[in-house]
């Protein structure tokens, strides 16, 4: 997979390199994510496409997972839409894939690097491929910064995010 290496390279970029992000106040990761999720929940409830009981369950699950966000570390450049459709690559003469880039950064900002793993279950439903991806990501990431609860929190946030998208 190309994604683990590209994601890890992107996550080496510390947010201060770009100056302050007024839309991403990540001085306090827990507060930032709580406010983001509360906003998405409010929008999703107003739009009404997802059952309120499910939204309540998502809210409770996120509250239970919140303590894991305290270990997210300093903010890094986060794509927030990292999936196979936004990756560039080419094959060399041996047929091996070479990483060439990531596109579509309109949702990017400062945040928790594990936010970019929220699409994994959607973009790749096969458990063995998911585990191979995560092994590749873990091999280049400090183990203390990798937390399945943080990934699950961000996956629930993705559900809320999708619930607020306009209908096509």
Protein backbone atom coordinates (compact mmCIF):
# COMPACT_ATOMS: atom_id res chain seq x y z
CA UNK A 1 0.00 0.00 0.00
CA UNK A 2 1.13 3.54 -0.73
CA UNK A 3 -0.96 5.17 1.98
CA UNK A 4 1.06 4.39 5.15
CA UNK A 5 4.22 6.02 3.82
CA UNK A 6 2.41 9.02 2.36
CA UNK A 7 0.39 9.55 5.52
CA UNK A 8 3.45 9.29 7.74
CA UNK A 9 5.39 11.75 5.55
CA UNK A 10 2.50 14.21 5.73
CA UNK A 11 2.23 13.77 9.51
CA UNK A 12 5.85 14.84 9.97
CA UNK A 13 4.80 18.39 9.08
CA UNK A 14 4.20 20.30 12.32
CA UNK A 15 1.36 22.82 12.13
CA UNK A 16 3.41 25.86 13.19
CA UNK A 17 5.29 25.52 9.90
CA UNK A 18 2.18 26.94 8.25
CA UNK A 19 1.32 29.54 10.88
CA UNK A 20 -1.85 29.54 12.95
CA UNK A 21 -4.98 27.86 11.63
CA UNK A 22 -7.87 29.90 12.90
CA UNK A 23 -10.31 27.18 11.82
CA UNK A 24 -8.38 24.50 13.75
CA UNK A 25 -7.72 25.67 17.31
CA UNK A 26 -5.83 22.55 18.44
CA UNK A 27 -4.07 23.88 21.54
CA UNK A 28 -6.35 21.57 23.54
CA UNK A 29 -7.05 18.44 21.43
CA UNK A 30 -9.84 17.21 23.69
CA UNK A 31 -11.71 20.52 23.62
CA UNK A 32 -11.18 20.91 19.87
CA UNK A 33 -12.59 17.46 19.06
CA UNK A 34 -15.45 17.81 21.55
CA UNK A 35 -16.50 21.14 19.99
CA UNK A 36 -16.14 19.74 16.46
CA UNK A 37 -18.24 16.66 17.29
CA UNK A 38 -20.90 18.67 19.12
CA UNK A 39 -21.17 20.94 16.09
CA UNK A 40 -21.47 17.98 13.71
CA UNK A 41 -24.06 16.32 15.98
CA UNK A 42 -26.12 19.51 16.03
CA UNK A 43 -25.99 19.77 12.23
CA UNK A 44 -26.76 16.07 11.73
CA UNK A 45 -29.79 16.31 14.04
CA UNK A 46 -31.03 19.40 12.20
CA UNK A 47 -30.66 17.74 8.79
CA UNK A 48 -32.43 14.60 10.03
CA UNK A 49 -30.98 11.98 7.65
CA UNK A 50 -29.70 9.78 10.48
CA UNK A 51 -31.99 8.37 13.16
CA UNK A 52 -31.80 10.31 16.44
CA UNK A 53 -31.29 7.09 18.43
CA UNK A 54 -28.19 6.32 16.37
CA UNK A 55 -26.91 9.88 16.80
CA UNK A 56 -27.40 9.55 20.57
CA UNK A 57 -25.40 6.29 20.54
CA UNK A 58 -22.61 7.97 18.57
CA UNK A 59 -22.55 10.83 21.05
CA UNK A 60 -22.30 8.44 24.03
CA UNK A 61 -19.60 6.37 22.34
CA UNK A 62 -17.53 9.45 21.56
CA UNK A 63 -17.81 10.65 25.15
CA UNK A 64 -16.53 7.27 26.33
CA UNK A 65 -13.61 7.41 23.86
CA UNK A 66 -12.66 11.06 24.57
CA UNK A 67 -9.93 10.28 27.16
CA UNK A 68 -7.84 8.70 24.40
CA UNK A 69 -7.65 12.08 22.61
CA UNK A 70 -5.50 13.52 25.39
CA UNK A 71 -2.53 11.54 23.99
CA UNK A 72 -2.80 12.86 20.44
CA UNK A 73 0.33 14.99 20.79
CA UNK A 74 1.10 18.25 19.00
CA UNK A 75 -0.96 19.06 15.92
CA UNK A 76 0.37 17.97 12.55
CA UNK A 77 -0.87 18.45 8.99
CA UNK A 78 -3.99 16.28 8.67
CA UNK A 79 -5.63 15.65 5.29
CA UNK A 80 -9.06 14.55 6.67
CA UNK A 81 -10.04 12.94 3.35
CA UNK A 82 -7.19 10.47 2.91
CA UNK A 83 -8.52 7.63 0.80
CA UNK A 84 -7.43 5.83 -2.38
CA UNK A 85 -9.17 8.39 -4.62
CA UNK A 86 -6.86 11.15 -3.35
CA UNK A 87 -3.55 9.33 -3.79
CA UNK A 88 -1.17 9.53 -6.71
CA UNK A 89 1.22 6.75 -7.66
CA UNK A 90 2.95 5.14 -10.58
CA UNK A 91 4.36 1.71 -11.32
CA UNK A 92 8.04 1.23 -12.00
CA UNK A 93 9.43 -1.23 -14.56
CA UNK A 94 9.21 -4.10 -12.06
CA UNK A 95 5.52 -3.44 -11.39
CA UNK A 96 6.09 -2.04 -7.91
CA UNK A 97 4.09 1.01 -6.94
CA UNK A 98 5.90 4.25 -6.19
CA UNK A 99 4.38 6.98 -4.03
CA UNK A 100 4.10 10.24 -5.85
CA UNK A 101 1.65 12.40 -3.90
CA UNK A 102 -1.60 13.25 -2.20
CA UNK A 103 -4.24 15.57 -3.67
CA UNK A 104 -7.46 17.26 -2.49
CA UNK A 105 -6.43 19.18 0.62
CA UNK A 106 -9.50 21.42 1.02
CA UNK A 107 -10.45 19.71 4.31
CA UNK A 108 -6.93 19.72 5.72
CA UNK A 109 -5.75 21.47 8.84
CA UNK A 110 -3.94 20.91 12.08
CA UNK A 111 -4.92 17.93 14.18
CA UNK A 112 -4.39 14.39 15.37
CA UNK A 113 -2.56 12.26 12.76
CA UNK A 114 -4.93 9.35 13.44
CA UNK A 115 -7.79 11.43 11.98
CA UNK A 116 -6.47 10.35 8.59
CA UNK A 117 -7.15 6.69 9.43
CA UNK A 118 -10.88 7.33 9.84
CA UNK A 119 -11.56 6.42 6.18
CA UNK A 120 -9.76 3.07 6.39
CA UNK A 121 -12.82 0.92 7.11
CA UNK A 122 -14.78 2.66 4.34
CA UNK A 123 -12.04 2.72 1.71
CA UNK A 124 -10.85 -0.84 2.39
CA UNK A 125 -13.44 -3.22 3.85
CA UNK A 126 -11.18 -6.32 3.77
CA UNK A 127 -9.86 -6.93 7.33
CA UNK A 128 -6.57 -8.46 6.16
CA UNK A 129 -5.79 -5.45 3.98
CA UNK A 130 -6.78 -3.08 6.80
CA UNK A 131 -4.41 -4.88 9.16
CA UNK A 132 -1.59 -4.76 6.58
CA UNK A 133 -2.14 -1.03 6.22
CA UNK A 134 -2.13 -0.50 9.99
CA UNK A 135 1.04 -2.60 10.33
CA UNK A 136 2.70 -0.36 7.74
CA UNK A 137 1.51 2.76 9.51
CA UNK A 138 2.61 1.48 12.93
CA UNK A 139 6.05 0.55 11.60
CA UNK A 140 6.74 4.22 10.88
CA UNK A 141 4.89 5.73 13.85
CA UNK A 142 5.92 5.84 17.51
CA UNK A 143 3.88 3.12 19.23
CA UNK A 144 2.86 5.42 22.10
CA UNK A 145 1.02 7.66 19.63
CA UNK A 146 -1.03 4.83 18.06
CA UNK A 147 -4.35 4.19 19.77
CA UNK A 148 -7.31 2.20 18.44
CA UNK A 149 -9.73 4.22 20.62
CA UNK A 150 -8.60 7.44 18.90
CA UNK A 151 -9.16 5.86 15.49
CA UNK A 152 -12.64 4.71 16.54
CA UNK A 153 -13.45 8.23 17.83
CA UNK A 154 -12.43 9.71 14.46
CA UNK A 155 -14.41 7.05 12.57
CA UNK A 156 -17.53 8.07 14.51
CA UNK A 157 -16.71 11.68 13.66
CA UNK A 158 -16.61 10.68 9.99
CA UNK A 159 -20.15 9.28 10.27
CA UNK A 160 -21.27 12.63 11.68
CA UNK A 161 -19.35 14.49 9.00
CA UNK A 162 -20.98 12.43 6.21
CA UNK A 163 -24.40 13.02 7.81
CA UNK A 164 -23.96 16.75 7.20
CA UNK A 165 -22.98 16.51 3.54
CA UNK A 166 -25.43 17.97 1.04
CA UNK A 167 -27.49 15.49 -0.95
CA UNK A 168 -26.36 14.99 -4.51
